[in-house]
Amino acid sequence: MIIPREGDLLLVTDIQRDFCAGGALAVPDGDAVVPLINLLMDRFPHVAATQDWHPRGHFSFASAHPGCRPFDSIEASYGPQTLWPDHCVQGSPGAELHPGLRTDRFELIIRKGFHPGIDSYSTFLENDRVTKTGLDGYMRERGFTRIFCVGLALDYCVRFSAEDARHFGFEAYAIVDACRAIDQHGSLAEARSAMDAAGVRLIASGDIAAGPRG
């Protein structure tokens, strides 16, 4: 059993309208995680959230590449890039947080993917693996040593956030039942294997004891 402590941060990843039912890039069963994440917030002393926040015509949108379709892959300057439907456009309804998601516990909301020519899965590093969001510095300044990742999608933004947390020297956990996956072309199995190799612990919400606020 894991007992939350003062140095822990719960990271609520991309629970936005476009990733939920009816959205432009809906993750299967994505809405189902909202009630559980709302409950988990009360188990942790500190909570932060992330938002995908793309400008119109973002490089990662299939619509920005004539002849390409969503889920095609192209070669970017920083490596392979999956092309997505237009989603989470800055200021649009699809970029808004899910209306059922509690926001009262968020001490920080990090917006990512706003550089027009770089996609961003991780909440620590953009896809070029150089550009930082500042989360690693924030965690150090606040004295956080462990991060617990939940949200959408397990095989993309949750995965890379958890892996990069390990890269920056933090303990990292993915609470799997508080996530959902896109699971395109075996991406979920690949994500599980990669997180395990990086030292990310895959756990369930039932492994989290009632903490300081529970």
N, C-alpha and C. Protein backbone atom coordinates (compact mmCIF):
# COMPACT_ATOMS: atom_id res chain seq x y z
N MET A 1 0.85 -1.20 0.00
CA MET A 1 0.00 0.00 0.00
C MET A 1 0.88 1.25 0.00
N ILE A 2 0.55 2.20 -0.86
CA ILE A 2 1.29 3.45 -0.96
C ILE A 2 0.56 4.52 -0.17
N ILE A 3 1.25 5.14 0.76
CA ILE A 3 0.66 6.20 1.57
C ILE A 3 1.15 7.55 1.04
N PRO A 4 0.27 8.36 0.47
CA PRO A 4 0.70 9.66 -0.02
C PRO A 4 1.33 10.51 1.08
N ARG A 5 2.34 11.31 0.67
CA ARG A 5 3.07 12.13 1.64
C ARG A 5 3.28 13.53 1.04
N GLU A 6 3.87 14.40 1.81
CA GLU A 6 3.98 15.80 1.42
C GLU A 6 4.75 16.00 0.12
N GLY A 7 5.69 15.14 -0.20
CA GLY A 7 6.50 15.30 -1.41
C GLY A 7 5.89 14.70 -2.65
N ASP A 8 4.61 14.40 -2.63
CA ASP A 8 3.94 13.75 -3.75
C ASP A 8 3.12 14.75 -4.56
N LEU A 9 3.10 14.54 -5.88
CA LEU A 9 2.27 15.34 -6.77
C LEU A 9 1.43 14.42 -7.64
N LEU A 10 0.13 14.64 -7.66
CA LEU A 10 -0.77 13.95 -8.59
C LEU A 10 -0.88 14.81 -9.84
N LEU A 11 -0.54 14.23 -10.99
CA LEU A 11 -0.59 14.95 -12.26
C LEU A 11 -1.78 14.47 -13.08
N VAL A 12 -2.75 15.34 -13.27
CA VAL A 12 -3.98 15.03 -14.01
C VAL A 12 -3.77 15.47 -15.46
N THR A 13 -3.67 14.49 -16.34
CA THR A 13 -3.18 14.73 -17.70
C THR A 13 -4.30 14.84 -18.73
N ASP A 14 -4.45 16.02 -19.31
CA ASP A 14 -5.24 16.24 -20.53
C ASP A 14 -6.68 15.71 -20.46
N ILE A 15 -7.36 15.98 -19.36
CA ILE A 15 -8.78 15.60 -19.29
C ILE A 15 -9.58 16.73 -19.93
N GLN A 16 -9.59 16.74 -21.25
CA GLN A 16 -10.18 17.82 -22.04
C GLN A 16 -11.29 17.29 -22.94
N ARG A 17 -12.16 18.19 -23.33
CA ARG A 17 -13.34 17.80 -24.11
C ARG A 17 -12.96 17.03 -25.38
N ASP A 18 -11.91 17.45 -26.07
CA ASP A 18 -11.57 16.81 -27.33
C ASP A 18 -11.05 15.39 -27.15
N PHE A 19 -10.64 15.03 -25.96
CA PHE A 19 -10.17 13.67 -25.70
C PHE A 19 -11.26 12.78 -25.10
N CYS A 20 -12.44 13.35 -24.90
CA CYS A 20 -13.55 12.60 -24.31
C CYS A 20 -14.66 12.40 -25.35
N ALA A 21 -15.71 11.72 -24.95
CA ALA A 21 -16.77 11.33 -25.89
C ALA A 21 -17.25 12.52 -26.71
N GLY A 22 -17.32 12.34 -28.02
CA GLY A 22 -17.77 13.39 -28.91
C GLY A 22 -16.69 14.36 -29.33
N GLY A 23 -15.48 14.21 -28.78
CA GLY A 23 -14.40 15.13 -29.09
C GLY A 23 -13.67 14.77 -30.37
N ALA A 24 -12.82 15.67 -30.81
CA ALA A 24 -12.13 15.50 -32.09
C ALA A 24 -11.15 14.34 -32.07
N LEU A 25 -10.62 14.02 -30.90
CA LEU A 25 -9.66 12.91 -30.77
C LEU A 25 -10.02 12.10 -29.51
N ALA A 26 -11.26 11.61 -29.52
CA ALA A 26 -11.79 10.95 -28.33
C ALA A 26 -11.02 9.66 -28.01
N VAL A 27 -10.58 9.54 -26.78
CA VAL A 27 -9.95 8.32 -26.28
C VAL A 27 -11.07 7.39 -25.84
N PRO A 28 -11.09 6.14 -26.30
CA PRO A 28 -12.16 5.23 -25.92
C PRO A 28 -12.38 5.18 -24.41
N ASP A 29 -13.63 5.42 -24.01
CA ASP A 29 -14.02 5.36 -22.60
C ASP A 29 -13.33 6.43 -21.77
N GLY A 30 -12.86 7.51 -22.41
CA GLY A 30 -12.11 8.53 -21.69
C GLY A 30 -12.86 9.18 -20.55
N ASP A 31 -14.17 9.40 -20.73
CA ASP A 31 -14.95 10.04 -19.68
C ASP A 31 -14.98 9.24 -18.39
N ALA A 32 -14.78 7.94 -18.49
CA ALA A 32 -14.92 7.06 -17.32
C ALA A 32 -13.90 7.36 -16.23
N VAL A 33 -12.79 8.00 -16.59
CA VAL A 33 -11.76 8.23 -15.57
C VAL A 33 -12.09 9.43 -14.68
N VAL A 34 -13.01 10.28 -15.09
CA VAL A 34 -13.24 11.54 -14.39
C VAL A 34 -13.68 11.32 -12.93
N PRO A 35 -14.69 10.50 -12.65
CA PRO A 35 -15.08 10.32 -11.25
C PRO A 35 -13.96 9.76 -10.38
N LEU A 36 -13.18 8.83 -10.91
CA LEU A 36 -12.09 8.25 -10.12
C LEU A 36 -11.00 9.28 -9.86
N ILE A 37 -10.66 10.07 -10.86
CA ILE A 37 -9.64 11.11 -10.65
C ILE A 37 -10.13 12.13 -9.63
N ASN A 38 -11.41 12.48 -9.68
CA ASN A 38 -11.95 13.40 -8.68
C ASN A 38 -11.77 12.87 -7.27
N LEU A 39 -11.96 11.56 -7.10
CA LEU A 39 -11.77 10.95 -5.78
C LEU A 39 -10.29 10.91 -5.40
N LEU A 40 -9.44 10.59 -6.35
CA LEU A 40 -8.01 10.49 -6.06
C LEU A 40 -7.42 11.82 -5.61
N MET A 41 -7.96 12.92 -6.08
CA MET A 41 -7.43 14.22 -5.68
C MET A 41 -7.42 14.39 -4.16
N ASP A 42 -8.40 13.82 -3.50
CA ASP A 42 -8.47 13.96 -2.05
C ASP A 42 -7.49 13.05 -1.32
N ARG A 43 -6.78 12.19 -2.06
CA ARG A 43 -5.79 11.33 -1.43
C ARG A 43 -4.39 11.95 -1.45
N PHE A 44 -4.23 13.02 -2.21
CA PHE A 44 -2.90 13.60 -2.41
C PHE A 44 -2.82 15.02 -1.87
N PRO A 45 -1.66 15.37 -1.33
CA PRO A 45 -1.51 16.72 -0.78
C PRO A 45 -1.40 17.80 -1.84
N HIS A 46 -0.94 17.42 -3.05
CA HIS A 46 -0.74 18.40 -4.11
C HIS A 46 -1.19 17.82 -5.44
N VAL A 47 -1.83 18.68 -6.25
CA VAL A 47 -2.38 18.25 -7.54
C VAL A 47 -2.05 19.31 -8.59
N ALA A 48 -1.63 18.86 -9.77
CA ALA A 48 -1.45 19.73 -10.93
C ALA A 48 -2.16 19.11 -12.12
N ALA A 49 -2.36 19.90 -13.15
CA ALA A 49 -3.06 19.41 -14.34
C ALA A 49 -2.33 19.88 -15.59
N THR A 50 -2.62 19.22 -16.70
CA THR A 50 -2.06 19.62 -17.99
C THR A 50 -3.18 19.83 -19.00
N GLN A 51 -2.91 20.70 -19.97
CA GLN A 51 -3.81 20.94 -21.09
C GLN A 51 -3.01 20.94 -22.38
N ASP A 52 -3.45 20.15 -23.35
CA ASP A 52 -2.97 20.32 -24.71
C ASP A 52 -3.48 21.70 -25.17
N TRP A 53 -2.61 22.46 -25.85
CA TRP A 53 -2.97 23.86 -26.15
C TRP A 53 -2.34 24.25 -27.48
N HIS A 54 -2.92 23.74 -28.57
CA HIS A 54 -2.32 23.89 -29.89
C HIS A 54 -2.82 25.14 -30.61
N PRO A 55 -1.93 25.86 -31.28
CA PRO A 55 -2.40 26.92 -32.18
C PRO A 55 -3.04 26.31 -33.43
N ARG A 56 -3.86 27.08 -34.10
CA ARG A 56 -4.45 26.60 -35.36
C ARG A 56 -3.34 26.29 -36.35
N GLY A 57 -3.54 25.22 -37.13
CA GLY A 57 -2.54 24.85 -38.12
C GLY A 57 -1.29 24.21 -37.54
N HIS A 58 -1.40 23.68 -36.33
CA HIS A 58 -0.24 23.09 -35.67
C HIS A 58 0.40 22.00 -36.54
N PHE A 59 1.72 21.90 -36.44
CA PHE A 59 2.49 20.95 -37.24
C PHE A 59 2.00 19.52 -37.11
N SER A 60 1.47 19.16 -35.95
CA SER A 60 1.05 17.78 -35.71
C SER A 60 -0.33 17.45 -36.29
N PHE A 61 -1.02 18.45 -36.84
CA PHE A 61 -2.34 18.22 -37.40
C PHE A 61 -2.21 17.69 -38.83
N ALA A 62 -2.95 16.63 -39.13
CA ALA A 62 -2.93 16.11 -40.49
C ALA A 62 -3.37 17.17 -41.51
N SER A 63 -4.25 18.05 -41.08
CA SER A 63 -4.76 19.09 -41.98
C SER A 63 -3.67 20.07 -42.42
N ALA A 64 -2.56 20.09 -41.70
CA ALA A 64 -1.45 20.98 -42.06
C ALA A 64 -0.53 20.37 -43.11
N HIS A 65 -0.83 19.12 -43.52
CA HIS A 65 0.02 18.41 -44.47
C HIS A 65 -0.84 17.86 -45.61
N PRO A 66 -0.91 18.57 -46.73
CA PRO A 66 -1.76 18.14 -47.85
C PRO A 66 -1.47 16.69 -48.26
N GLY A 67 -2.55 15.94 -48.43
CA GLY A 67 -2.42 14.54 -48.84
C GLY A 67 -2.29 13.58 -47.69
N CYS A 68 -2.13 14.09 -46.46
CA CYS A 68 -2.00 13.21 -45.29
C CYS A 68 -3.33 13.08 -44.56
N ARG A 69 -3.46 11.99 -43.83
CA ARG A 69 -4.67 11.73 -43.07
C ARG A 69 -4.32 11.55 -41.59
N PRO A 70 -5.29 11.74 -40.70
CA PRO A 70 -5.03 11.48 -39.29
C PRO A 70 -4.48 10.07 -39.06
N PHE A 71 -3.50 9.99 -38.21
CA PHE A 71 -2.80 8.76 -37.80
C PHE A 71 -1.74 8.32 -38.80
N ASP A 72 -1.57 9.08 -39.90
CA ASP A 72 -0.37 8.88 -40.72
C ASP A 72 0.84 9.29 -39.91
N SER A 73 2.00 8.85 -40.33
CA SER A 73 3.25 9.25 -39.68
C SER A 73 4.15 9.94 -40.69
N ILE A 74 4.78 11.02 -40.25
CA ILE A 74 5.74 11.72 -41.08
C ILE A 74 7.05 11.83 -40.32
N GLU A 75 8.09 12.24 -41.02
CA GLU A 75 9.39 12.42 -40.38
C GLU A 75 9.57 13.90 -40.08
N ALA A 76 9.61 14.24 -38.81
CA ALA A 76 9.88 15.61 -38.38
C ALA A 76 11.38 15.78 -38.15
N SER A 77 11.80 17.00 -37.91
CA SER A 77 13.22 17.24 -37.65
C SER A 77 13.71 16.51 -36.40
N TYR A 78 12.75 16.18 -35.51
CA TYR A 78 13.10 15.50 -34.26
C TYR A 78 12.73 14.02 -34.28
N GLY A 79 12.32 13.49 -35.44
CA GLY A 79 12.00 12.07 -35.54
C GLY A 79 10.59 11.84 -36.02
N PRO A 80 10.10 10.59 -35.93
CA PRO A 80 8.75 10.28 -36.41
C PRO A 80 7.68 11.08 -35.67
N GLN A 81 6.69 11.53 -36.39
CA GLN A 81 5.59 12.30 -35.81
C GLN A 81 4.27 11.75 -36.33
N THR A 82 3.43 11.28 -35.41
CA THR A 82 2.07 10.90 -35.77
C THR A 82 1.26 12.15 -36.04
N LEU A 83 0.45 12.12 -37.08
CA LEU A 83 -0.43 13.23 -37.41
C LEU A 83 -1.82 12.98 -36.82
N TRP A 84 -2.38 14.02 -36.25
CA TRP A 84 -3.64 13.90 -35.51
C TRP A 84 -4.73 14.73 -36.16
N PRO A 85 -5.99 14.41 -35.87
CA PRO A 85 -7.06 15.35 -36.22
C PRO A 85 -6.82 16.67 -35.48
N ASP A 86 -7.30 17.78 -36.04
CA ASP A 86 -7.22 19.05 -35.32
C ASP A 86 -7.89 18.87 -33.96
N HIS A 87 -7.18 19.21 -32.89
CA HIS A 87 -7.75 19.00 -31.55
C HIS A 87 -7.13 19.99 -30.56
N CYS A 88 -7.85 20.27 -29.51
CA CYS A 88 -7.39 21.12 -28.41
C CYS A 88 -6.78 22.42 -28.94
N VAL A 89 -7.49 23.04 -29.86
CA VAL A 89 -7.04 24.32 -30.42
C VAL A 89 -7.26 25.41 -29.37
N GLN A 90 -6.25 26.25 -29.21
CA GLN A 90 -6.26 27.27 -28.18
C GLN A 90 -7.57 28.07 -28.18
N GLY A 91 -8.22 28.13 -27.02
CA GLY A 91 -9.43 28.91 -26.87
C GLY A 91 -10.70 28.26 -27.37
N SER A 92 -10.59 27.07 -27.95
CA SER A 92 -11.77 26.39 -28.49
C SER A 92 -12.47 25.58 -27.40
N PRO A 93 -13.76 25.25 -27.59
CA PRO A 93 -14.45 24.42 -26.61
C PRO A 93 -13.76 23.07 -26.39
N GLY A 94 -13.16 22.51 -27.46
CA GLY A 94 -12.50 21.22 -27.33
C GLY A 94 -11.28 21.24 -26.44
N ALA A 95 -10.68 22.40 -26.26
CA ALA A 95 -9.51 22.52 -25.40
C ALA A 95 -9.87 22.67 -23.94
N GLU A 96 -11.13 22.90 -23.64
CA GLU A 96 -11.55 23.09 -22.26
C GLU A 96 -11.42 21.80 -21.46
N LEU A 97 -11.19 21.94 -20.18
CA LEU A 97 -11.19 20.78 -19.29
C LEU A 97 -12.59 20.19 -19.24
N HIS A 98 -12.66 18.87 -19.02
CA HIS A 98 -13.94 18.18 -18.94
C HIS A 98 -14.82 18.86 -17.89
N PRO A 99 -16.09 19.11 -18.21
CA PRO A 99 -16.95 19.85 -17.27
C PRO A 99 -17.18 19.12 -15.95
N GLY A 100 -17.00 17.81 -15.94
CA GLY A 100 -17.18 17.07 -14.70
C GLY A 100 -15.94 16.97 -13.84
N LEU A 101 -14.83 17.49 -14.34
CA LEU A 101 -13.56 17.38 -13.61
C LEU A 101 -13.46 18.47 -12.56
N ARG A 102 -13.13 18.06 -11.36
CA ARG A 102 -12.86 19.05 -10.31
C ARG A 102 -11.61 19.86 -10.65
N THR A 103 -11.66 21.14 -10.39
CA THR A 103 -10.49 21.99 -10.62
C THR A 103 -10.05 22.71 -9.35
N ASP A 104 -10.76 22.52 -8.26
CA ASP A 104 -10.46 23.27 -7.04
C ASP A 104 -9.12 22.91 -6.42
N ARG A 105 -8.58 21.73 -6.74
CA ARG A 105 -7.32 21.30 -6.14
C ARG A 105 -6.10 21.61 -7.00
N PHE A 106 -6.30 22.15 -8.20
CA PHE A 106 -5.17 22.37 -9.09
C PHE A 106 -4.31 23.53 -8.60
N GLU A 107 -3.07 23.23 -8.25
CA GLU A 107 -2.12 24.26 -7.85
C GLU A 107 -1.38 24.83 -9.06
N LEU A 108 -1.41 24.10 -10.15
CA LEU A 108 -0.73 24.49 -11.38
C LEU A 108 -1.42 23.83 -12.56
N ILE A 109 -1.60 24.57 -13.65
CA ILE A 109 -2.04 23.99 -14.91
C ILE A 109 -0.97 24.30 -15.95
N ILE A 110 -0.39 23.25 -16.51
CA ILE A 110 0.65 23.40 -17.52
C ILE A 110 0.04 23.21 -18.89
N ARG A 111 0.21 24.21 -19.74
CA ARG A 111 -0.24 24.09 -21.12
C ARG A 111 0.94 23.69 -21.99
N LYS A 112 0.71 22.72 -22.85
CA LYS A 112 1.79 22.18 -23.68
C LYS A 112 1.33 22.04 -25.12
N GLY A 113 2.30 21.94 -26.03
CA GLY A 113 1.97 21.82 -27.44
C GLY A 113 1.65 23.14 -28.10
N PHE A 114 2.06 24.26 -27.47
CA PHE A 114 1.73 25.56 -28.04
C PHE A 114 2.79 26.08 -29.02
N HIS A 115 3.96 25.40 -29.09
CA HIS A 115 4.94 25.76 -30.11
C HIS A 115 4.43 25.25 -31.47
N PRO A 116 4.28 26.11 -32.47
CA PRO A 116 3.62 25.71 -33.72
C PRO A 116 4.29 24.54 -34.43
N GLY A 117 5.61 24.39 -34.30
CA GLY A 117 6.31 23.37 -35.07
C GLY A 117 6.78 22.17 -34.28
N ILE A 118 6.36 22.04 -33.01
CA ILE A 118 6.79 20.92 -32.17
C ILE A 118 5.57 20.36 -31.45
N ASP A 119 5.36 19.07 -31.53
CA ASP A 119 4.30 18.45 -30.75
C ASP A 119 4.81 18.20 -29.34
N SER A 120 3.89 17.91 -28.44
CA SER A 120 4.28 17.69 -27.05
C SER A 120 3.39 16.63 -26.43
N TYR A 121 3.98 15.50 -26.09
CA TYR A 121 3.28 14.47 -25.34
C TYR A 121 3.60 14.59 -23.85
N SER A 122 4.87 14.63 -23.54
CA SER A 122 5.33 14.70 -22.16
C SER A 122 5.01 16.05 -21.54
N THR A 123 4.76 16.04 -20.25
CA THR A 123 4.56 17.29 -19.52
C THR A 123 5.88 17.87 -19.05
N PHE A 124 6.97 17.19 -19.31
CA PHE A 124 8.31 17.68 -18.95
C PHE A 124 9.07 18.22 -20.16
N LEU A 125 9.00 17.53 -21.30
CA LEU A 125 9.76 17.88 -22.49
C LEU A 125 8.88 17.83 -23.73
N GLU A 126 9.08 18.79 -24.64
CA GLU A 126 8.41 18.72 -25.93
C GLU A 126 9.01 17.55 -26.72
N ASN A 127 8.39 17.23 -27.86
CA ASN A 127 8.83 16.05 -28.62
C ASN A 127 10.22 16.19 -29.24
N ASP A 128 10.75 17.40 -29.27
CA ASP A 128 12.13 17.54 -29.75
C ASP A 128 13.14 17.08 -28.71
N ARG A 129 12.65 16.76 -27.50
CA ARG A 129 13.46 16.23 -26.40
C ARG A 129 14.47 17.25 -25.89
N VAL A 130 14.27 18.52 -26.22
CA VAL A 130 15.15 19.59 -25.78
C VAL A 130 14.37 20.67 -25.03
N THR A 131 13.23 21.07 -25.60
CA THR A 131 12.44 22.17 -25.06
C THR A 131 11.70 21.72 -23.80
N LYS A 132 11.99 22.39 -22.69
CA LYS A 132 11.37 22.04 -21.41
C LYS A 132 10.07 22.81 -21.20
N THR A 133 9.18 22.22 -20.43
CA THR A 133 7.97 22.91 -19.98
C THR A 133 8.20 23.64 -18.67
N GLY A 134 9.22 23.24 -17.93
CA GLY A 134 9.49 23.82 -16.62
C GLY A 134 8.99 22.98 -15.45
N LEU A 135 8.32 21.85 -15.74
CA LEU A 135 7.77 21.05 -14.65
C LEU A 135 8.86 20.46 -13.76
N ASP A 136 10.00 20.07 -14.35
CA ASP A 136 11.06 19.51 -13.51
C ASP A 136 11.55 20.54 -12.50
N GLY A 137 11.72 21.79 -12.94
CA GLY A 137 12.15 22.84 -12.02
C GLY A 137 11.10 23.15 -10.97
N TYR A 138 9.84 23.16 -11.39
CA TYR A 138 8.74 23.40 -10.45
C TYR A 138 8.73 22.34 -9.35
N MET A 139 8.89 21.08 -9.77
CA MET A 139 8.86 20.00 -8.78
C MET A 139 10.02 20.13 -7.80
N ARG A 140 11.19 20.47 -8.29
CA ARG A 140 12.34 20.61 -7.39
C ARG A 140 12.15 21.80 -6.44
N GLU A 141 11.67 22.90 -6.97
CA GLU A 141 11.45 24.08 -6.13
C GLU A 141 10.41 23.82 -5.04
N ARG A 142 9.44 22.99 -5.37
CA ARG A 142 8.39 22.68 -4.39
C ARG A 142 8.76 21.53 -3.47
N GLY A 143 9.87 20.86 -3.76
CA GLY A 143 10.30 19.75 -2.93
C GLY A 143 9.58 18.45 -3.20
N PHE A 144 9.00 18.31 -4.40
CA PHE A 144 8.32 17.07 -4.76
C PHE A 144 9.34 16.02 -5.22
N THR A 145 9.13 14.80 -4.78
CA THR A 145 10.04 13.71 -5.16
C THR A 145 9.34 12.57 -5.88
N ARG A 146 8.01 12.51 -5.76
CA ARG A 146 7.25 11.45 -6.42
C ARG A 146 6.11 12.07 -7.21
N ILE A 147 5.86 11.51 -8.41
CA ILE A 147 4.75 11.98 -9.22
C ILE A 147 3.87 10.79 -9.58
N PHE A 148 2.57 11.01 -9.51
CA PHE A 148 1.57 9.98 -9.81
C PHE A 148 0.74 10.49 -10.98
N CYS A 149 0.81 9.77 -12.10
CA CYS A 149 0.21 10.23 -13.36
C CYS A 149 -1.11 9.53 -13.61
N VAL A 150 -2.11 10.32 -13.96
CA VAL A 150 -3.42 9.80 -14.35
C VAL A 150 -3.90 10.58 -15.56
N GLY A 151 -4.88 10.03 -16.29
CA GLY A 151 -5.50 10.80 -17.35
C GLY A 151 -5.42 10.18 -18.72
N LEU A 152 -5.30 11.04 -19.73
CA LEU A 152 -5.41 10.64 -21.14
C LEU A 152 -4.21 11.17 -21.93
N ALA A 153 -3.67 10.34 -22.75
CA ALA A 153 -3.94 8.92 -22.87
C ALA A 153 -2.74 8.16 -22.31
N LEU A 154 -3.01 6.97 -21.78
CA LEU A 154 -1.96 6.19 -21.12
C LEU A 154 -0.79 5.90 -22.04
N ASP A 155 -1.06 5.67 -23.33
CA ASP A 155 0.00 5.27 -24.25
C ASP A 155 0.70 6.46 -24.92
N TYR A 156 0.32 7.67 -24.57
CA TYR A 156 0.99 8.84 -25.13
C TYR A 156 1.38 9.81 -24.01
N CYS A 157 0.52 10.74 -23.67
CA CYS A 157 0.94 11.81 -22.76
C CYS A 157 1.22 11.32 -21.34
N VAL A 158 0.45 10.34 -20.86
CA VAL A 158 0.74 9.78 -19.54
C VAL A 158 2.07 9.03 -19.58
N ARG A 159 2.22 8.20 -20.59
CA ARG A 159 3.46 7.42 -20.72
C ARG A 159 4.70 8.31 -20.73
N PHE A 160 4.73 9.27 -21.63
CA PHE A 160 5.94 10.07 -21.78
C PHE A 160 6.18 11.00 -20.60
N SER A 161 5.13 11.44 -19.96
CA SER A 161 5.29 12.23 -18.74
C SER A 161 5.94 11.39 -17.64
N ALA A 162 5.45 10.17 -17.48
CA ALA A 162 6.00 9.30 -16.44
C ALA A 162 7.45 8.92 -16.73
N GLU A 163 7.74 8.60 -18.00
CA GLU A 163 9.12 8.26 -18.37
C GLU A 163 10.06 9.44 -18.14
N ASP A 164 9.62 10.64 -18.51
CA ASP A 164 10.48 11.80 -18.34
C ASP A 164 10.65 12.17 -16.87
N ALA A 165 9.65 11.88 -16.06
CA ALA A 165 9.83 12.08 -14.62
C ALA A 165 11.00 11.25 -14.12
N ARG A 166 11.09 10.03 -14.59
CA ARG A 166 12.23 9.18 -14.22
C ARG A 166 13.54 9.76 -14.78
N HIS A 167 13.49 10.27 -16.00
CA HIS A 167 14.67 10.88 -16.63
C HIS A 167 15.21 12.03 -15.78
N PHE A 168 14.31 12.77 -15.15
CA PHE A 168 14.72 13.91 -14.33
C PHE A 168 14.95 13.54 -12.87
N GLY A 169 14.89 12.25 -12.56
CA GLY A 169 15.28 11.80 -11.24
C GLY A 169 14.18 11.67 -10.22
N PHE A 170 12.93 11.72 -10.64
CA PHE A 170 11.81 11.57 -9.72
C PHE A 170 11.28 10.14 -9.73
N GLU A 171 10.70 9.72 -8.63
CA GLU A 171 9.94 8.46 -8.63
C GLU A 171 8.65 8.70 -9.41
N ALA A 172 8.27 7.73 -10.22
CA ALA A 172 7.10 7.92 -11.08
C ALA A 172 6.18 6.71 -11.02
N TYR A 173 4.90 7.00 -10.97
CA TYR A 173 3.86 5.99 -10.92
C TYR A 173 2.79 6.35 -11.95
N ALA A 174 2.24 5.34 -12.60
CA ALA A 174 1.06 5.51 -13.45
C ALA A 174 -0.08 4.72 -12.80
N ILE A 175 -1.15 5.41 -12.46
CA ILE A 175 -2.31 4.76 -11.86
C ILE A 175 -3.20 4.31 -13.02
N VAL A 176 -3.06 3.06 -13.39
CA VAL A 176 -3.55 2.58 -14.68
C VAL A 176 -5.06 2.64 -14.81
N ASP A 177 -5.80 2.33 -13.75
CA ASP A 177 -7.26 2.36 -13.88
C ASP A 177 -7.82 3.78 -13.90
N ALA A 178 -6.97 4.77 -13.65
CA ALA A 178 -7.37 6.17 -13.77
C ALA A 178 -6.87 6.76 -15.08
N CYS A 179 -6.57 5.89 -16.04
CA CYS A 179 -6.13 6.27 -17.39
C CYS A 179 -6.94 5.49 -18.42
N ARG A 180 -6.93 5.97 -19.63
CA ARG A 180 -7.42 5.22 -20.78
C ARG A 180 -6.43 5.43 -21.92
N ALA A 181 -6.44 4.50 -22.90
CA ALA A 181 -5.45 4.52 -23.97
C ALA A 181 -6.11 4.66 -25.33
N ILE A 182 -5.36 5.21 -26.28
CA ILE A 182 -5.79 5.24 -27.68
C ILE A 182 -5.59 3.86 -28.29
N ASP A 183 -4.46 3.24 -28.01
CA ASP A 183 -4.11 1.88 -28.43
C ASP A 183 -4.19 1.69 -29.94
N GLN A 184 -3.42 2.50 -30.66
CA GLN A 184 -3.27 2.35 -32.10
C GLN A 184 -2.02 1.53 -32.41
N HIS A 185 -2.17 0.47 -33.18
CA HIS A 185 -1.04 -0.32 -33.66
C HIS A 185 -0.16 -0.83 -32.51
N GLY A 186 -0.81 -1.31 -31.45
CA GLY A 186 -0.06 -1.89 -30.34
C GLY A 186 0.58 -0.88 -29.42
N SER A 187 0.13 0.38 -29.47
CA SER A 187 0.78 1.42 -28.68
C SER A 187 0.62 1.22 -27.17
N LEU A 188 -0.46 0.58 -26.73
CA LEU A 188 -0.64 0.38 -25.29
C LEU A 188 0.37 -0.63 -24.76
N ALA A 189 0.54 -1.77 -25.44
CA ALA A 189 1.51 -2.76 -25.00
C ALA A 189 2.93 -2.17 -25.03
N GLU A 190 3.22 -1.40 -26.06
CA GLU A 190 4.53 -0.75 -26.16
C GLU A 190 4.74 0.22 -25.00
N ALA A 191 3.71 0.97 -24.65
CA ALA A 191 3.82 1.93 -23.56
C ALA A 191 4.06 1.24 -22.22
N ARG A 192 3.33 0.17 -21.96
CA ARG A 192 3.53 -0.56 -20.72
C ARG A 192 4.96 -1.08 -20.60
N SER A 193 5.46 -1.64 -21.69
CA SER A 193 6.82 -2.18 -21.70
C SER A 193 7.85 -1.06 -21.49
N ALA A 194 7.66 0.07 -22.17
CA ALA A 194 8.60 1.17 -22.07
C ALA A 194 8.60 1.78 -20.67
N MET A 195 7.42 1.95 -20.09
CA MET A 195 7.36 2.50 -18.73
C MET A 195 8.03 1.58 -17.73
N ASP A 196 7.78 0.29 -17.88
CA ASP A 196 8.41 -0.67 -16.99
C ASP A 196 9.93 -0.61 -17.10
N ALA A 197 10.42 -0.52 -18.33
CA ALA A 197 11.87 -0.45 -18.55
C ALA A 197 12.47 0.82 -17.98
N ALA A 198 11.69 1.90 -17.95
CA ALA A 198 12.17 3.17 -17.43
C ALA A 198 12.10 3.25 -15.91
N GLY A 199 11.49 2.26 -15.29
CA GLY A 199 11.37 2.28 -13.83
C GLY A 199 10.11 2.93 -13.32
N VAL A 200 9.13 3.14 -14.22
CA VAL A 200 7.82 3.65 -13.80
C VAL A 200 7.02 2.50 -13.19
N ARG A 201 6.44 2.73 -12.04
CA ARG A 201 5.62 1.70 -11.40
C ARG A 201 4.18 1.82 -11.87
N LEU A 202 3.64 0.73 -12.41
CA LEU A 202 2.25 0.69 -12.85
C LEU A 202 1.41 0.13 -11.71
N ILE A 203 0.50 0.95 -11.20
CA ILE A 203 -0.27 0.58 -10.03
C ILE A 203 -1.76 0.82 -10.30
N ALA A 204 -2.60 0.44 -9.35
CA ALA A 204 -4.03 0.68 -9.43
C ALA A 204 -4.44 1.67 -8.33
N SER A 205 -5.58 2.28 -8.51
CA SER A 205 -6.04 3.25 -7.51
C SER A 205 -6.21 2.61 -6.14
N GLY A 206 -6.52 1.32 -6.12
CA GLY A 206 -6.66 0.62 -4.86
C GLY A 206 -5.37 0.47 -4.09
N ASP A 207 -4.24 0.73 -4.76
CA ASP A 207 -2.94 0.67 -4.08
C ASP A 207 -2.63 1.94 -3.32
N ILE A 208 -3.47 2.97 -3.48
CA ILE A 208 -3.25 4.25 -2.85
C ILE A 208 -4.08 4.34 -1.58
N ALA A 209 -3.41 4.43 -0.46
CA ALA A 209 -4.13 4.57 0.81
C ALA A 209 -4.67 5.97 0.97
N ALA A 210 -5.60 6.13 1.88
CA ALA A 210 -6.09 7.46 2.21
C ALA A 210 -4.92 8.27 2.76
N GLY A 211 -4.64 9.40 2.15
CA GLY A 211 -3.48 10.19 2.50
C GLY A 211 -3.82 11.34 3.43
N PRO A 212 -3.04 12.42 3.35
CA PRO A 212 -3.20 13.54 4.26
C PRO A 212 -4.59 14.17 4.21
N ARG A 213 -5.25 14.06 3.05
CA ARG A 213 -6.56 14.67 2.88
C ARG A 213 -7.67 13.64 2.82
N GLY A 214 -7.29 12.32 2.86
CA GLY A 214 -8.26 11.28 2.63
C GLY A 214 -9.18 11.00 3.80
